[in-house]
Amino acid sequence: ACKIEDIWNNCKCRPFFYLQPRPTEPSIKICTTEDLPCL
């Protein structure tokens, strides 16, 4: 969860292979090829 939060703070997305942080939280944008340089 800490890694997902750090990726979101820096790149505003979540890699597809990471789980959703919590079912109650809103969905986070999945990273695409446009986010690869930031990742």
Full PDB file with SEQRES, HELIX, SHEET, SSBOND, CRYST1, ORIGX, SCALE, CONECT and MASTER records, all heavy atoms in Angstrom:
SEQRES   1 A   39  ALA CYS LYS ILE GLU ASP ILE TRP ASN ASN CYS LYS CYS          
SEQRES   2 A   39  ARG PRO PHE PHE TYR LEU GLN PRO ARG PRO THR GLU PRO          
SEQRES   3 A   39  SER ILE LYS ILE CYS THR THR GLU ASP LEU PRO CYS LEU          
HELIX    1 AA1 CYS A    2  CYS A   11  1                                  10    
HELIX    2 AA2 THR A   33  ASP A   35  5                                   3    
SSBOND   1 CYS A   11    CYS A   38                          1555   1555  1.99  
SSBOND   2 CYS A   13    CYS A   31                          1555   1555  2.05  
CRYST1    1.000    1.000    1.000  90.00  90.00  90.00 P 1           1          
ORIGX1      1.000000  0.000000  0.000000        0.00000                         
ORIGX2      0.000000  1.000000  0.000000        0.00000                         
ORIGX3      0.000000  0.000000  1.000000        0.00000                         
SCALE1      1.000000  0.000000  0.000000        0.00000                         
SCALE2      0.000000  1.000000  0.000000        0.00000                         
SCALE3      0.000000  0.000000  1.000000        0.00000                         
ATOM      1  N   ALA A   1       0.826  -1.210   0.000  1.00  0.00           N  
ATOM      2  CA  ALA A   1       0.000   0.000   0.000  1.00  0.00           C  
ATOM      3  C   ALA A   1       0.858   1.256   0.000  1.00  0.00           C  
ATOM      4  O   ALA A   1       0.510   2.267  -0.634  1.00  0.00           O  
ATOM      5  CB  ALA A   1      -0.929  -0.017   1.212  1.00  0.00           C  
ATOM      6  N   CYS A   2       1.993   1.198   0.702  1.00  0.00           N  
ATOM      7  CA  CYS A   2       2.917   2.334   0.721  1.00  0.00           C  
ATOM      8  C   CYS A   2       3.510   2.576  -0.673  1.00  0.00           C  
ATOM      9  O   CYS A   2       3.645   3.725  -1.110  1.00  0.00           O  
ATOM     10  CB  CYS A   2       4.016   2.068   1.744  1.00  0.00           C  
ATOM     11  SG  CYS A   2       5.282   3.353   1.855  1.00  0.00           S  
ATOM     12  N   LYS A   3       3.834   1.522  -1.389  1.00  0.00           N  
ATOM     13  CA  LYS A   3       4.384   1.661  -2.735  1.00  0.00           C  
ATOM     14  C   LYS A   3       3.333   2.206  -3.702  1.00  0.00           C  
ATOM     15  O   LYS A   3       3.637   3.058  -4.549  1.00  0.00           O  
ATOM     16  CB  LYS A   3       4.904   0.303  -3.219  1.00  0.00           C  
ATOM     17  CG  LYS A   3       6.096  -0.201  -2.432  1.00  0.00           C  
ATOM     18  CD  LYS A   3       6.481  -1.612  -2.826  1.00  0.00           C  
ATOM     19  CE  LYS A   3       7.013  -1.688  -4.209  1.00  0.00           C  
ATOM     20  NZ  LYS A   3       7.528  -3.046  -4.521  1.00  0.00           N  
ATOM     21  N   ILE A   4       2.093   1.733  -3.560  1.00  0.00           N  
ATOM     22  CA  ILE A   4       1.025   2.232  -4.427  1.00  0.00           C  
ATOM     23  C   ILE A   4       0.787   3.725  -4.181  1.00  0.00           C  
ATOM     24  O   ILE A   4       0.594   4.509  -5.117  1.00  0.00           O  
ATOM     25  CB  ILE A   4      -0.261   1.418  -4.192  1.00  0.00           C  
ATOM     26  CG1 ILE A   4      -0.054  -0.034  -4.640  1.00  0.00           C  
ATOM     27  CG2 ILE A   4      -1.432   2.029  -4.937  1.00  0.00           C  
ATOM     28  CD1 ILE A   4      -1.217  -0.944  -4.326  1.00  0.00           C  
ATOM     29  N   GLU A   5       0.828   4.126  -2.923  1.00  0.00           N  
ATOM     30  CA  GLU A   5       0.641   5.535  -2.594  1.00  0.00           C  
ATOM     31  C   GLU A   5       1.775   6.395  -3.155  1.00  0.00           C  
ATOM     32  O   GLU A   5       1.545   7.511  -3.656  1.00  0.00           O  
ATOM     33  CB  GLU A   5       0.556   5.703  -1.077  1.00  0.00           C  
ATOM     34  CG  GLU A   5       0.314   7.127  -0.625  1.00  0.00           C  
ATOM     35  CD  GLU A   5       0.254   7.254   0.891  1.00  0.00           C  
ATOM     36  OE1 GLU A   5       0.408   6.220   1.581  1.00  0.00           O  
ATOM     37  OE2 GLU A   5       0.068   8.389   1.382  1.00  0.00           O  
ATOM     38  N   ASP A   6       3.002   5.878  -3.078  1.00  0.00           N  
ATOM     39  CA  ASP A   6       4.143   6.630  -3.610  1.00  0.00           C  
ATOM     40  C   ASP A   6       4.043   6.774  -5.125  1.00  0.00           C  
ATOM     41  O   ASP A   6       4.336   7.851  -5.673  1.00  0.00           O  
ATOM     42  CB  ASP A   6       5.436   5.921  -3.222  1.00  0.00           C  
ATOM     43  CG  ASP A   6       6.670   6.642  -3.714  1.00  0.00           C  
ATOM     44  OD1 ASP A   6       6.991   7.706  -3.158  1.00  0.00           O  
ATOM     45  OD2 ASP A   6       7.300   6.134  -4.668  1.00  0.00           O  
ATOM     46  N   ILE A   7       3.629   5.718  -5.831  1.00  0.00           N  
ATOM     47  CA  ILE A   7       3.473   5.793  -7.285  1.00  0.00           C  
ATOM     48  C   ILE A   7       2.371   6.787  -7.648  1.00  0.00           C  
ATOM     49  O   ILE A   7       2.493   7.567  -8.598  1.00  0.00           O  
ATOM     50  CB  ILE A   7       3.173   4.398  -7.864  1.00  0.00           C  
ATOM     51  CG1 ILE A   7       4.366   3.465  -7.641  1.00  0.00           C  
ATOM     52  CG2 ILE A   7       2.847   4.481  -9.348  1.00  0.00           C  
ATOM     53  CD1 ILE A   7       4.110   2.036  -8.049  1.00  0.00           C  
ATOM     54  N   TRP A   8       1.300   6.783  -6.857  1.00  0.00           N  
ATOM     55  CA  TRP A   8       0.206   7.709  -7.127  1.00  0.00           C  
ATOM     56  C   TRP A   8       0.643   9.158  -6.902  1.00  0.00           C  
ATOM     57  O   TRP A   8       0.294  10.050  -7.671  1.00  0.00           O  
ATOM     58  CB  TRP A   8      -0.990   7.364  -6.253  1.00  0.00           C  
ATOM     59  CG  TRP A   8      -2.095   8.378  -6.330  1.00  0.00           C  
ATOM     60  CD1 TRP A   8      -2.424   9.314  -5.408  1.00  0.00           C  
ATOM     61  CD2 TRP A   8      -3.003   8.550  -7.417  1.00  0.00           C  
ATOM     62  NE1 TRP A   8      -3.476  10.061  -5.840  1.00  0.00           N  
ATOM     63  CE2 TRP A   8      -3.860   9.616  -7.080  1.00  0.00           C  
ATOM     64  CE3 TRP A   8      -3.171   7.915  -8.652  1.00  0.00           C  
ATOM     65  CZ2 TRP A   8      -4.873  10.053  -7.929  1.00  0.00           C  
ATOM     66  CZ3 TRP A   8      -4.184   8.354  -9.499  1.00  0.00           C  
ATOM     67  CH2 TRP A   8      -5.017   9.413  -9.129  1.00  0.00           C  
ATOM     68  N   ASN A   9       1.426   9.393  -5.843  1.00  0.00           N  
ATOM     69  CA  ASN A   9       1.867  10.759  -5.560  1.00  0.00           C  
ATOM     70  C   ASN A   9       2.813  11.285  -6.629  1.00  0.00           C  
ATOM     71  O   ASN A   9       2.838  12.494  -6.906  1.00  0.00           O  
ATOM     72  CB  ASN A   9       2.559  10.817  -4.193  1.00  0.00           C  
ATOM     73  CG  ASN A   9       1.603  10.551  -3.046  1.00  0.00           C  
ATOM     74  OD1 ASN A   9       0.397  10.808  -3.166  1.00  0.00           O  
ATOM     75  ND2 ASN A   9       2.128  10.048  -1.946  1.00  0.00           N  
ATOM     76  N   ASN A  10       3.588  10.396  -7.246  1.00  0.00           N  
ATOM     77  CA  ASN A  10       4.573  10.833  -8.239  1.00  0.00           C  
ATOM     78  C   ASN A  10       4.052  10.757  -9.675  1.00  0.00           C  
ATOM     79  O   ASN A  10       4.357  11.625 -10.490  1.00  0.00           O  
ATOM     80  CB  ASN A  10       5.845   9.988  -8.124  1.00  0.00           C  
ATOM     81  CG  ASN A  10       6.585  10.227  -6.814  1.00  0.00           C  
ATOM     82  OD1 ASN A  10       6.813  11.362  -6.417  1.00  0.00           O  
ATOM     83  ND2 ASN A  10       6.946   9.157  -6.135  1.00  0.00           N  
ATOM     84  N   CYS A  11       3.275   9.692  -9.965  1.00  0.00           N  
ATOM     85  CA  CYS A  11       2.859   9.463 -11.351  1.00  0.00           C  
ATOM     86  C   CYS A  11       1.352   9.490 -11.564  1.00  0.00           C  
ATOM     87  O   CYS A  11       0.888   9.373 -12.710  1.00  0.00           O  
ATOM     88  CB  CYS A  11       3.417   8.129 -11.858  1.00  0.00           C  
ATOM     89  SG  CYS A  11       5.218   8.009 -11.776  1.00  0.00           S  
ATOM     90  N   LYS A  12       0.559   9.589 -10.483  1.00  0.00           N  
ATOM     91  CA  LYS A  12      -0.901   9.668 -10.567  1.00  0.00           C  
ATOM     92  C   LYS A  12      -1.518   8.477 -11.296  1.00  0.00           C  
ATOM     93  O   LYS A  12      -2.442   8.614 -12.105  1.00  0.00           O  
ATOM     94  CB  LYS A  12      -1.337  10.975 -11.258  1.00  0.00           C  
ATOM     95  CG  LYS A  12      -0.858  12.235 -10.570  1.00  0.00           C  
ATOM     96  CD  LYS A  12      -1.356  12.307  -9.137  1.00  0.00           C  
ATOM     97  CE  LYS A  12      -0.839  13.560  -8.437  1.00  0.00           C  
ATOM     98  NZ  LYS A  12      -1.265  13.616  -7.021  1.00  0.00           N  
ATOM     99  N   CYS A  13      -1.010   7.274 -10.999  1.00  0.00           N  
ATOM    100  CA  CYS A  13      -1.595   6.062 -11.578  1.00  0.00           C  
ATOM    101  C   CYS A  13      -1.183   4.869 -10.730  1.00  0.00           C  
ATOM    102  O   CYS A  13      -0.393   4.992  -9.783  1.00  0.00           O  
ATOM    103  CB  CYS A  13      -1.144   5.867 -13.033  1.00  0.00           C  
ATOM    104  SG  CYS A  13       0.632   5.540 -13.209  1.00  0.00           S  
ATOM    105  N   ARG A  14      -1.732   3.718 -11.061  1.00  0.00           N  
ATOM    106  CA  ARG A  14      -1.414   2.468 -10.354  1.00  0.00           C  
ATOM    107  C   ARG A  14      -1.111   1.388 -11.385  1.00  0.00           C  
ATOM    108  O   ARG A  14      -1.899   1.181 -12.316  1.00  0.00           O  
ATOM    109  CB  ARG A  14      -2.592   2.035  -9.476  1.00  0.00           C  
ATOM    110  CG  ARG A  14      -2.431   0.649  -8.872  1.00  0.00           C  
ATOM    111  CD  ARG A  14      -3.580   0.333  -7.915  1.00  0.00           C  
ATOM    112  NE  ARG A  14      -4.867   0.328  -8.582  1.00  0.00           N  
ATOM    113  CZ  ARG A  14      -5.411  -0.759  -9.137  1.00  0.00           C  
ATOM    114  NH1 ARG A  14      -4.752  -1.909  -9.143  1.00  0.00           N  
ATOM    115  NH2 ARG A  14      -6.594  -0.687  -9.705  1.00  0.00           N  
ATOM    116  N   PRO A  15       0.035   0.668 -11.277  1.00  0.00           N  
ATOM    117  CA  PRO A  15       0.313  -0.433 -12.206  1.00  0.00           C  
ATOM    118  C   PRO A  15      -0.779  -1.501 -12.148  1.00  0.00           C  
ATOM    119  O   PRO A  15      -1.350  -1.762 -11.088  1.00  0.00           O  
ATOM    120  CB  PRO A  15       1.657  -0.971 -11.715  1.00  0.00           C  
ATOM    121  CG  PRO A  15       2.299   0.174 -11.006  1.00  0.00           C  
ATOM    122  CD  PRO A  15       1.166   0.923 -10.370  1.00  0.00           C  
ATOM    123  N   PHE A  16      -1.046  -2.119 -13.275  1.00  0.00           N  
ATOM    124  CA  PHE A  16      -2.170  -3.051 -13.356  1.00  0.00           C  
ATOM    125  C   PHE A  16      -1.992  -4.274 -12.468  1.00  0.00           C  
ATOM    126  O   PHE A  16      -2.970  -4.900 -12.065  1.00  0.00           O  
ATOM    127  CB  PHE A  16      -2.359  -3.492 -14.811  1.00  0.00           C  
ATOM    128  CG  PHE A  16      -1.356  -4.511 -15.269  1.00  0.00           C  
ATOM    129  CD1 PHE A  16      -1.628  -5.872 -15.205  1.00  0.00           C  
ATOM    130  CD2 PHE A  16      -0.113  -4.125 -15.766  1.00  0.00           C  
ATOM    131  CE1 PHE A  16      -0.694  -6.812 -15.624  1.00  0.00           C  
ATOM    132  CE2 PHE A  16       0.822  -5.054 -16.175  1.00  0.00           C  
ATOM    133  CZ  PHE A  16       0.539  -6.399 -16.107  1.00  0.00           C  
ATOM    134  N   PHE A  17      -0.727  -4.644 -12.172  1.00  0.00           N  
ATOM    135  CA  PHE A  17      -0.512  -5.868 -11.396  1.00  0.00           C  
ATOM    136  C   PHE A  17      -0.620  -5.637  -9.893  1.00  0.00           C  
ATOM    137  O   PHE A  17      -0.519  -6.588  -9.126  1.00  0.00           O  
ATOM    138  CB  PHE A  17       0.859  -6.484 -11.728  1.00  0.00           C  
ATOM    139  CG  PHE A  17       1.995  -5.505 -11.715  1.00  0.00           C  
ATOM    140  CD1 PHE A  17       2.590  -5.132 -10.525  1.00  0.00           C  
ATOM    141  CD2 PHE A  17       2.471  -4.955 -12.893  1.00  0.00           C  
ATOM    142  CE1 PHE A  17       3.652  -4.233 -10.503  1.00  0.00           C  
ATOM    143  CE2 PHE A  17       3.528  -4.060 -12.890  1.00  0.00           C  
ATOM    144  CZ  PHE A  17       4.119  -3.688 -11.687  1.00  0.00           C  
ATOM    145  N   TYR A  18      -0.809  -4.389  -9.450  1.00  0.00           N  
ATOM    146  CA  TYR A  18      -1.019  -4.114  -8.033  1.00  0.00           C  
ATOM    147  C   TYR A  18      -2.517  -4.126  -7.721  1.00  0.00           C  
ATOM    148  O   TYR A  18      -3.341  -3.705  -8.533  1.00  0.00           O  
ATOM    149  CB  TYR A  18      -0.441  -2.755  -7.644  1.00  0.00           C  
ATOM    150  CG  TYR A  18       1.068  -2.749  -7.475  1.00  0.00           C  
ATOM    151  CD1 TYR A  18       1.799  -1.584  -7.621  1.00  0.00           C  
ATOM    152  CD2 TYR A  18       1.750  -3.926  -7.177  1.00  0.00           C  
ATOM    153  CE1 TYR A  18       3.179  -1.573  -7.467  1.00  0.00           C  
ATOM    154  CE2 TYR A  18       3.125  -3.921  -7.034  1.00  0.00           C  
ATOM    155  CZ  TYR A  18       3.834  -2.755  -7.177  1.00  0.00           C  
ATOM    156  OH  TYR A  18       5.196  -2.775  -7.030  1.00  0.00           O  
ATOM    157  N   LEU A  19      -2.834  -4.600  -6.511  1.00  0.00           N  
ATOM    158  CA  LEU A  19      -4.224  -4.685  -6.097  1.00  0.00           C  
ATOM    159  C   LEU A  19      -4.765  -3.310  -5.753  1.00  0.00           C  
ATOM    160  O   LEU A  19      -4.019  -2.373  -5.455  1.00  0.00           O  
ATOM    161  CB  LEU A  19      -4.358  -5.613  -4.890  1.00  0.00           C  
ATOM    162  CG  LEU A  19      -3.860  -7.050  -5.067  1.00  0.00           C  
ATOM    163  CD1 LEU A  19      -3.967  -7.809  -3.751  1.00  0.00           C  
ATOM    164  CD2 LEU A  19      -4.656  -7.767  -6.135  1.00  0.00           C  
ATOM    165  N   GLN A  20      -6.086  -3.211  -5.788  1.00  0.00           N  
ATOM    166  CA  GLN A  20      -6.746  -1.987  -5.340  1.00  0.00           C  
ATOM    167  C   GLN A  20      -6.491  -1.818  -3.843  1.00  0.00           C  
ATOM    168  O   GLN A  20      -6.622  -2.778  -3.078  1.00  0.00           O  
ATOM    169  CB  GLN A  20      -8.249  -2.085  -5.603  1.00  0.00           C  
ATOM    170  CG  GLN A  20      -9.072  -0.913  -5.131  1.00  0.00           C  
ATOM    171  CD  GLN A  20      -8.880   0.327  -5.991  1.00  0.00           C  
ATOM    172  OE1 GLN A  20      -8.381   0.229  -7.106  1.00  0.00           O  
ATOM    173  NE2 GLN A  20      -9.257   1.473  -5.468  1.00  0.00           N  
ATOM    174  N   PRO A  21      -6.072  -0.621  -3.355  1.00  0.00           N  
ATOM    175  CA  PRO A  21      -5.754  -0.454  -1.934  1.00  0.00           C  
ATOM    176  C   PRO A  21      -6.841  -0.940  -1.001  1.00  0.00           C  
ATOM    177  O   PRO A  21      -6.584  -1.703  -0.088  1.00  0.00           O  
ATOM    178  CB  PRO A  21      -5.539   1.056  -1.821  1.00  0.00           C  
ATOM    179  CG  PRO A  21      -5.095   1.472  -3.178  1.00  0.00           C  
ATOM    180  CD  PRO A  21      -5.815   0.578  -4.129  1.00  0.00           C  
ATOM    181  N   ARG A  22      -8.099  -0.527  -1.223  1.00  0.00           N  
ATOM    182  CA  ARG A  22      -9.216  -1.007  -0.408  1.00  0.00           C  
ATOM    183  C   ARG A  22     -10.479  -0.945  -1.245  1.00  0.00           C  
ATOM    184  O   ARG A  22     -10.646  -0.045  -2.070  1.00  0.00           O  
ATOM    185  CB  ARG A  22      -9.403  -0.148   0.850  1.00  0.00           C  
ATOM    186  CG  ARG A  22      -8.411  -0.450   1.956  1.00  0.00           C  
ATOM    187  CD  ARG A  22      -8.803   0.253   3.225  1.00  0.00           C  
ATOM    188  NE  ARG A  22      -7.661   0.360   4.114  1.00  0.00           N  
ATOM    189  CZ  ARG A  22      -7.664   1.077   5.244  1.00  0.00           C  
ATOM    190  NH1 ARG A  22      -8.746   1.728   5.601  1.00  0.00           N  
ATOM    191  NH2 ARG A  22      -6.600   1.131   6.008  1.00  0.00           N  
ATOM    192  N   PRO A  23     -11.404  -1.878  -1.021  1.00  0.00           N  
ATOM    193  CA  PRO A  23     -12.642  -1.837  -1.809  1.00  0.00           C  
ATOM    194  C   PRO A  23     -13.455  -0.573  -1.553  1.00  0.00           C  
ATOM    195  O   PRO A  23     -14.205  -0.128  -2.415  1.00  0.00           O  
ATOM    196  CB  PRO A  23     -13.384  -3.096  -1.340  1.00  0.00           C  
ATOM    197  CG  PRO A  23     -12.330  -3.993  -0.785  1.00  0.00           C  
ATOM    198  CD  PRO A  23     -11.308  -3.067  -0.192  1.00  0.00           C  
ATOM    199  N   THR A  24     -13.324   0.028  -0.366  1.00  0.00           N  
ATOM    200  CA  THR A  24     -14.118   1.207  -0.036  1.00  0.00           C  
ATOM    201  C   THR A  24     -13.570   2.478  -0.651  1.00  0.00           C  
ATOM    202  O   THR A  24     -14.272   3.491  -0.734  1.00  0.00           O  
ATOM    203  CB  THR A  24     -14.178   1.379   1.494  1.00  0.00           C  
ATOM    204  OG1 THR A  24     -12.850   1.466   2.014  1.00  0.00           O  
ATOM    205  CG2 THR A  24     -14.892   0.193   2.138  1.00  0.00           C  
ATOM    206  N   GLU A  25     -12.305   2.471  -1.082  1.00  0.00           N  
ATOM    207  CA  GLU A  25     -11.692   3.651  -1.659  1.00  0.00           C  
ATOM    208  C   GLU A  25     -12.001   3.739  -3.158  1.00  0.00           C  
ATOM    209  O   GLU A  25     -12.239   2.725  -3.814  1.00  0.00           O  
ATOM    210  CB  GLU A  25     -10.182   3.629  -1.435  1.00  0.00           C  
ATOM    211  CG  GLU A  25      -9.777   3.708   0.027  1.00  0.00           C  
ATOM    212  CD  GLU A  25      -8.282   3.745   0.201  1.00  0.00           C  
ATOM    213  OE1 GLU A  25      -7.575   3.689  -0.824  1.00  0.00           O  
ATOM    214  OE2 GLU A  25      -7.820   3.845   1.351  1.00  0.00           O  
ATOM    215  N   PRO A  26     -12.014   4.942  -3.697  1.00  0.00           N  
ATOM    216  CA  PRO A  26     -12.286   5.084  -5.134  1.00  0.00           C  
ATOM    217  C   PRO A  26     -11.177   4.457  -5.977  1.00  0.00           C  
ATOM    218  O   PRO A  26     -10.029   4.355  -5.559  1.00  0.00           O  
ATOM    219  CB  PRO A  26     -12.346   6.612  -5.327  1.00  0.00           C  
ATOM    220  CG  PRO A  26     -11.566   7.176  -4.175  1.00  0.00           C  
ATOM    221  CD  PRO A  26     -11.792   6.236  -3.029  1.00  0.00           C  
ATOM    222  N   SER A  27     -11.542   4.024  -7.151  1.00  0.00           N  
ATOM    223  CA  SER A  27     -10.579   3.382  -8.044  1.00  0.00           C  
ATOM    224  C   SER A  27      -9.517   4.381  -8.480  1.00  0.00           C  
ATOM    225  O   SER A  27      -9.791   5.573  -8.661  1.00  0.00           O  
ATOM    226  CB  SER A  27     -11.300   2.825  -9.272  1.00  0.00           C  
ATOM    227  OG  SER A  27     -12.243   1.844  -8.886  1.00  0.00           O  
ATOM    228  N   ILE A  28      -8.299   3.869  -8.630  1.00  0.00           N  
ATOM    229  CA  ILE A  28      -7.169   4.687  -9.052  1.00  0.00           C  
ATOM    230  C   ILE A  28      -6.872   4.376 -10.509  1.00  0.00           C  
ATOM    231  O   ILE A  28      -6.948   3.225 -10.953  1.00  0.00           O  
ATOM    232  CB  ILE A  28      -5.945   4.409  -8.168  1.00  0.00           C  
ATOM    233  CG1 ILE A  28      -6.275   4.712  -6.697  1.00  0.00           C  
ATOM    234  CG2 ILE A  28      -4.757   5.236  -8.609  1.00  0.00           C  
ATOM    235  CD1 ILE A  28      -5.142   4.396  -5.748  1.00  0.00           C  
ATOM    236  N   LYS A  29      -6.520   5.391 -11.232  1.00  0.00           N  
ATOM    237  CA  LYS A  29      -6.231   5.239 -12.664  1.00  0.00           C  
ATOM    238  C   LYS A  29      -5.109   4.232 -12.885  1.00  0.00           C  
ATOM    239  O   LYS A  29      -4.074   4.268 -12.226  1.00  0.00           O  
ATOM    240  CB  LYS A  29      -5.839   6.600 -13.240  1.00  0.00           C  
ATOM    241  CG  LYS A  29      -5.341   6.561 -14.680  1.00  0.00           C  
ATOM    242  CD  LYS A  29      -4.921   7.925 -15.140  1.00  0.00           C  
ATOM    243  CE  LYS A  29      -4.252   7.893 -16.500  1.00  0.00           C  
ATOM    244  NZ  LYS A  29      -2.956   7.208 -16.469  1.00  0.00           N  
ATOM    245  N   ILE A  30      -5.334   3.314 -13.825  1.00  0.00           N  
ATOM    246  CA  ILE A  30      -4.342   2.305 -14.167  1.00  0.00           C  
ATOM    247  C   ILE A  30      -3.283   2.934 -15.065  1.00  0.00           C  
ATOM    248  O   ILE A  30      -3.586   3.699 -15.992  1.00  0.00           O  
ATOM    249  CB  ILE A  30      -5.000   1.110 -14.863  1.00  0.00           C  
ATOM    250  CG1 ILE A  30      -6.081   0.495 -13.959  1.00  0.00           C  
ATOM    251  CG2 ILE A  30      -3.960   0.044 -15.216  1.00  0.00           C  
ATOM    252  CD1 ILE A  30      -5.544  -0.055 -12.663  1.00  0.00           C  
ATOM    253  N   CYS A  31      -2.020   2.597 -14.792  1.00  0.00           N  
ATOM    254  CA  CYS A  31      -0.916   3.153 -15.590  1.00  0.00           C  
ATOM    255  C   CYS A  31      -0.952   2.594 -17.010  1.00  0.00           C  
ATOM    256  O   CYS A  31      -1.267   1.411 -17.235  1.00  0.00           O  
ATOM    257  CB  CYS A  31       0.421   2.808 -14.936  1.00  0.00           C  
ATOM    258  SG  CYS A  31       0.633   3.490 -13.279  1.00  0.00           S  
ATOM    259  N   THR A  32      -0.611   3.425 -17.949  1.00  0.00           N  
ATOM    260  CA  THR A  32      -0.534   3.040 -19.352  1.00  0.00           C  
ATOM    261  C   THR A  32       0.886   3.287 -19.856  1.00  0.00           C  
ATOM    262  O   THR A  32       1.789   3.651 -19.097  1.00  0.00           O  
ATOM    263  CB  THR A  32      -1.548   3.849 -20.183  1.00  0.00           C  
ATOM    264  OG1 THR A  32      -1.219   5.244 -20.105  1.00  0.00           O  
ATOM    265  CG2 THR A  32      -2.961   3.641 -19.669  1.00  0.00           C  
ATOM    266  N   THR A  33       1.070   3.114 -21.150  1.00  0.00           N  
ATOM    267  CA  THR A  33       2.397   3.321 -21.725  1.00  0.00           C  
ATOM    268  C   THR A  33       2.838   4.780 -21.618  1.00  0.00           C  
ATOM    269  O   THR A  33       4.043   5.063 -21.647  1.00  0.00           O  
ATOM    270  CB  THR A  33       2.396   2.883 -23.193  1.00  0.00           C  
ATOM    271  OG1 THR A  33       1.333   3.569 -23.893  1.00  0.00           O  
ATOM    272  CG2 THR A  33       2.193   1.388 -23.310  1.00  0.00           C  
ATOM    273  N   GLU A  34       1.906   5.696 -21.503  1.00  0.00           N  
ATOM    274  CA  GLU A  34       2.272   7.102 -21.350  1.00  0.00           C  
ATOM    275  C   GLU A  34       2.929   7.376 -20.004  1.00  0.00           C  
ATOM    276  O   GLU A  34       3.653   8.368 -19.860  1.00  0.00           O  
ATOM    277  CB  GLU A  34       1.032   7.983 -21.501  1.00  0.00           C  
ATOM    278  CG  GLU A  34       0.387   7.907 -22.878  1.00  0.00           C  
ATOM    279  CD  GLU A  34      -0.869   8.747 -22.960  1.00  0.00           C  
ATOM    280  OE1 GLU A  34      -1.267   9.288 -21.898  1.00  0.00           O  
ATOM    281  OE2 GLU A  34      -1.438   8.867 -24.056  1.00  0.00           O  
ATOM    282  N   ASP A  35       2.683   6.522 -19.024  1.00  0.00           N  
ATOM    283  CA  ASP A  35       3.247   6.719 -17.689  1.00  0.00           C  
ATOM    284  C   ASP A  35       4.570   6.000 -17.485  1.00  0.00           C  
ATOM    285  O   ASP A  35       5.142   6.061 -16.388  1.00  0.00           O  
ATOM    286  CB  ASP A  35       2.244   6.232 -16.629  1.00  0.00           C  
ATOM    287  CG  ASP A  35       0.915   6.945 -16.736  1.00  0.00           C  
ATOM    288  OD1 ASP A  35       0.923   8.185 -16.700  1.00  0.00           O  
ATOM    289  OD2 ASP A  35      -0.129   6.251 -16.856  1.00  0.00           O  
ATOM    290  N   LEU A  36       5.063   5.303 -18.492  1.00  0.00           N  
ATOM    291  CA  LEU A  36       6.302   4.545 -18.341  1.00  0.00           C  
ATOM    292  C   LEU A  36       7.506   5.415 -17.997  1.00  0.00           C  
ATOM    293  O   LEU A  36       8.329   5.034 -17.153  1.00  0.00           O  
ATOM    294  CB  LEU A  36       6.574   3.730 -19.605  1.00  0.00           C  
ATOM    295  CG  LEU A  36       5.654   2.532 -19.839  1.00  0.00           C  
ATOM    296  CD1 LEU A  36       6.019   1.844 -21.155  1.00  0.00           C  
ATOM    297  CD2 LEU A  36       5.777   1.557 -18.685  1.00  0.00           C  
ATOM    298  N   PRO A  37       7.688   6.584 -18.609  1.00  0.00           N  
ATOM    299  CA  PRO A  37       8.843   7.412 -18.211  1.00  0.00           C  
ATOM    300  C   PRO A  37       8.830   7.789 -16.736  1.00  0.00           C  
ATOM    301  O   PRO A  37       9.882   7.774 -16.080  1.00  0.00           O  
ATOM    302  CB  PRO A  37       8.707   8.650 -19.111  1.00  0.00           C  
ATOM    303  CG  PRO A  37       7.951   8.170 -20.300  1.00  0.00           C  
ATOM    304  CD  PRO A  37       6.983   7.159 -19.771  1.00  0.00           C  
ATOM    305  N   CYS A  38       7.663   8.119 -16.211  1.00  0.00           N  
ATOM    306  CA  CYS A  38       7.583   8.459 -14.785  1.00  0.00           C  
ATOM    307  C   CYS A  38       7.839   7.237 -13.914  1.00  0.00           C  
ATOM    308  O   CYS A  38       8.509   7.328 -12.887  1.00  0.00           O  
ATOM    309  CB  CYS A  38       6.211   9.063 -14.491  1.00  0.00           C  
ATOM    310  SG  CYS A  38       5.981   9.553 -12.765  1.00  0.00           S  
ATOM    311  N   LEU A  39       7.323   6.095 -14.315  1.00  0.00           N  
ATOM    312  CA  LEU A  39       7.528   4.865 -13.531  1.00  0.00           C  
ATOM    313  C   LEU A  39       8.998   4.482 -13.511  1.00  0.00           C  
ATOM    314  O   LEU A  39       9.513   4.021 -12.484  1.00  0.00           O  
ATOM    315  CB  LEU A  39       6.696   3.733 -14.106  1.00  0.00           C  
ATOM    316  CG  LEU A  39       5.172   3.887 -13.997  1.00  0.00           C  
ATOM    317  CD1 LEU A  39       4.469   2.748 -14.716  1.00  0.00           C  
ATOM    318  CD2 LEU A  39       4.747   3.916 -12.530  1.00  0.00           C  
TER     319      LEU A  39                                                      
CONECT   89  310                                                                
CONECT  104  258                                                                
CONECT  258  104                                                                
CONECT  310   89                                                                
MASTER        0    0    0    2    0    0    0    6  318    1    4    3          
END                                                                             
